[in-house]
Amino acid sequence: MNLWDNVDKVVKESGENLSEISDRAGIQYDTVRNWRTRHIYPRVDEAKALADALGVTVEQLFFDEDVEEGYRKEIIRLREEEEKLKAIESLLFQPQPGKSDIVAG
């Protein structure tokens, strides 16, 4: 698959249309439609905006990386980050020895 096959696949899976995706990417629909029709590759910044609007990475659009696999990898990465944050939080909010939680009044 090429870039535009991948875009079509993700757009279809999203339940939206290319016009809605273009709007969210901040790129005129006619521009995106022209790229699509003529199989033109957008500039890097435009590809990034398009990928962000589609909720995928630029790599997923350009390099046939399975979009679902990409989502799974991102979920795993986020869960790992969440575990790290929980560990940091538990260290930061451990009760300190010798300090009382009750304030004398």
C-alpha atoms as a PDB file:
ATOM      1  CA  MET A   1       0.000   0.000   0.000  1.00  0.00           C
ATOM      2  CA  ASN A   2       1.057   3.573  -0.552  1.00  0.00           C
ATOM      3  CA  LEU A   3       0.415   6.737   1.426  1.00  0.00           C
ATOM      4  CA  TRP A   4      -3.006   7.369  -0.039  1.00  0.00           C
ATOM      5  CA  ASP A   5      -4.138   3.758   0.318  1.00  0.00           C
ATOM      6  CA  ASN A   6      -3.196   4.029   3.981  1.00  0.00           C
ATOM      7  CA  VAL A   7      -5.007   7.375   4.325  1.00  0.00           C
ATOM      8  CA  ASP A   8      -8.119   5.866   2.725  1.00  0.00           C
ATOM      9  CA  LYS A   9      -7.966   2.900   5.099  1.00  0.00           C
ATOM     10  CA  VAL A  10      -7.659   5.057   8.218  1.00  0.00           C
ATOM     11  CA  VAL A  11     -10.336   7.494   7.044  1.00  0.00           C
ATOM     12  CA  LYS A  12     -12.715   4.583   6.430  1.00  0.00           C
ATOM     13  CA  GLU A  13     -11.942   3.067   9.859  1.00  0.00           C
ATOM     14  CA  SER A  14     -12.551   6.433  11.535  1.00  0.00           C
ATOM     15  CA  GLY A  15     -16.068   6.738  10.135  1.00  0.00           C
ATOM     16  CA  GLU A  16     -15.284  10.276   9.014  1.00  0.00           C
ATOM     17  CA  ASN A  17     -14.647  11.636   5.559  1.00  0.00           C
ATOM     18  CA  LEU A  18     -11.583  13.250   4.045  1.00  0.00           C
ATOM     19  CA  SER A  19     -13.165  16.698   4.276  1.00  0.00           C
ATOM     20  CA  GLU A  20     -13.552  16.399   8.057  1.00  0.00           C
ATOM     21  CA  ILE A  21      -9.999  15.099   8.410  1.00  0.00           C
ATOM     22  CA  SER A  22      -8.685  17.946   6.245  1.00  0.00           C
ATOM     23  CA  ASP A  23     -10.474  20.517   8.391  1.00  0.00           C
ATOM     24  CA  ARG A  24      -9.024  19.032  11.570  1.00  0.00           C
ATOM     25  CA  ALA A  25      -5.554  19.020   9.979  1.00  0.00           C
ATOM     26  CA  GLY A  26      -5.920  22.683   9.041  1.00  0.00           C
ATOM     27  CA  ILE A  27      -5.427  21.920   5.347  1.00  0.00           C
ATOM     28  CA  GLN A  28      -7.935  22.884   2.671  1.00  0.00           C
ATOM     29  CA  TYR A  29      -9.942  19.908   1.478  1.00  0.00           C
ATOM     30  CA  ASP A  30      -9.268  20.763  -2.191  1.00  0.00           C
ATOM     31  CA  THR A  31      -5.536  20.582  -1.499  1.00  0.00           C
ATOM     32  CA  VAL A  32      -5.771  17.167   0.145  1.00  0.00           C
ATOM     33  CA  ARG A  33      -8.127  15.913  -2.561  1.00  0.00           C
ATOM     34  CA  ASN A  34      -5.655  17.103  -5.220  1.00  0.00           C
ATOM     35  CA  TRP A  35      -2.784  15.296  -3.470  1.00  0.00           C
ATOM     36  CA  ARG A  36      -4.933  12.184  -3.221  1.00  0.00           C
ATOM     37  CA  THR A  37      -6.084  12.248  -6.839  1.00  0.00           C
ATOM     38  CA  ARG A  38      -2.631  12.964  -8.255  1.00  0.00           C
ATOM     39  CA  HIS A  39      -0.758  10.744  -5.750  1.00  0.00           C
ATOM     40  CA  ILE A  40       1.301  13.708  -4.555  1.00  0.00           C
ATOM     41  CA  TYR A  41       3.199  13.417  -1.306  1.00  0.00           C
ATOM     42  CA  PRO A  42       2.654  16.379   1.036  1.00  0.00           C
ATOM     43  CA  ARG A  43       5.458  18.278   2.753  1.00  0.00           C
ATOM     44  CA  VAL A  44       6.592  16.843   6.075  1.00  0.00           C
ATOM     45  CA  ASP A  45       4.704  19.407   8.157  1.00  0.00           C
ATOM     46  CA  GLU A  46       1.531  18.765   6.166  1.00  0.00           C
ATOM     47  CA  ALA A  47       1.957  14.996   6.458  1.00  0.00           C
ATOM     48  CA  LYS A  48       2.371  15.399  10.221  1.00  0.00           C
ATOM     49  CA  ALA A  49      -0.796  17.506  10.452  1.00  0.00           C
ATOM     50  CA  LEU A  50      -2.684  14.935   8.392  1.00  0.00           C
ATOM     51  CA  ALA A  51      -1.381  12.050  10.513  1.00  0.00           C
ATOM     52  CA  ASP A  52      -2.295  13.885  13.725  1.00  0.00           C
ATOM     53  CA  ALA A  53      -5.793  14.551  12.411  1.00  0.00           C
ATOM     54  CA  LEU A  54      -6.125  10.849  11.592  1.00  0.00           C
ATOM     55  CA  GLY A  55      -4.775   9.800  14.985  1.00  0.00           C
ATOM     56  CA  VAL A  56      -1.830   7.857  13.567  1.00  0.00           C
ATOM     57  CA  THR A  57       1.882   8.422  13.104  1.00  0.00           C
ATOM     58  CA  VAL A  58       3.513   9.642   9.907  1.00  0.00           C
ATOM     59  CA  GLU A  59       5.284   6.291   9.743  1.00  0.00           C
ATOM     60  CA  GLN A  60       1.962   4.485   9.725  1.00  0.00           C
ATOM     61  CA  LEU A  61       0.820   6.554   6.774  1.00  0.00           C
ATOM     62  CA  PHE A  62       3.976   6.251   4.698  1.00  0.00           C
ATOM     63  CA  PHE A  63       5.461   2.875   5.523  1.00  0.00           C
ATOM     64  CA  ASP A  64       2.554   0.437   5.534  1.00  0.00           C
ATOM     65  CA  GLU A  65       2.882  -0.132   9.276  1.00  0.00           C
ATOM     66  CA  ASP A  66      -0.292  -1.780  10.395  1.00  0.00           C
ATOM     67  CA  VAL A  67      -2.385   0.936  11.993  1.00  0.00           C
ATOM     68  CA  GLU A  68      -3.915  -1.437  14.516  1.00  0.00           C
ATOM     69  CA  GLU A  69      -0.460  -2.658  15.491  1.00  0.00           C
ATOM     70  CA  GLY A  70       0.581   0.963  15.914  1.00  0.00           C
ATOM     71  CA  TYR A  71      -2.325   1.563  18.259  1.00  0.00           C
ATOM     72  CA  ARG A  72      -1.398  -1.523  20.269  1.00  0.00           C
ATOM     73  CA  LYS A  73       2.203  -0.345  20.564  1.00  0.00           C
ATOM     74  CA  GLU A  74       1.058   3.092  21.687  1.00  0.00           C
ATOM     75  CA  ILE A  75      -1.279   1.610  24.311  1.00  0.00           C
ATOM     76  CA  ILE A  76       1.555  -0.554  25.653  1.00  0.00           C
ATOM     77  CA  ARG A  77       3.876   2.462  25.755  1.00  0.00           C
ATOM     78  CA  LEU A  78       1.271   4.531  27.608  1.00  0.00           C
ATOM     79  CA  ARG A  79       0.650   1.764  30.130  1.00  0.00           C
ATOM     80  CA  GLU A  80       4.381   1.526  30.797  1.00  0.00           C
ATOM     81  CA  GLU A  81       4.532   5.290  31.310  1.00  0.00           C
ATOM     82  CA  GLU A  82       1.557   5.091  33.642  1.00  0.00           C
ATOM     83  CA  GLU A  83       3.344   2.459  35.750  1.00  0.00           C
ATOM     84  CA  LYS A  84       6.430   4.668  35.959  1.00  0.00           C
ATOM     85  CA  LEU A  85       4.319   7.620  37.068  1.00  0.00           C
ATOM     86  CA  LYS A  86       2.585   5.522  39.719  1.00  0.00           C
ATOM     87  CA  ALA A  87       5.967   4.439  41.076  1.00  0.00           C
ATOM     88  CA  ILE A  88       7.155   8.047  41.233  1.00  0.00           C
ATOM     89  CA  GLU A  89       3.919   9.128  42.878  1.00  0.00           C
ATOM     90  CA  SER A  90       4.226   6.437  45.548  1.00  0.00           C
ATOM     91  CA  LEU A  91       7.761   7.612  46.319  1.00  0.00           C
ATOM     92  CA  LEU A  92       6.744  11.249  46.504  1.00  0.00           C
ATOM     93  CA  PHE A  93       3.749  10.684  48.735  1.00  0.00           C
ATOM     94  CA  GLN A  94       5.153   8.105  51.157  1.00  0.00           C
ATOM     95  CA  PRO A  95       4.574   8.995  54.792  1.00  0.00           C
ATOM     96  CA  GLN A  96       7.753  10.378  56.306  1.00  0.00           C
ATOM     97  CA  PRO A  97       9.032   8.592  59.434  1.00  0.00           C
ATOM     98  CA  GLY A  98       8.606  10.659  62.588  1.00  0.00           C
ATOM     99  CA  LYS A  99       6.066  13.038  61.045  1.00  0.00           C
ATOM    100  CA  SER A 100       2.470  12.836  62.117  1.00  0.00           C
ATOM    101  CA  ASP A 101      -0.408  13.356  59.749  1.00  0.00           C
ATOM    102  CA  ILE A 102      -2.330  14.995  62.597  1.00  0.00           C
ATOM    103  CA  VAL A 103      -1.710  18.678  63.216  1.00  0.00           C
ATOM    104  CA  ALA A 104      -1.922  19.746  66.871  1.00  0.00           C
ATOM    105  CA  GLY A 105      -4.421  22.475  67.315  1.00  0.00           C
END
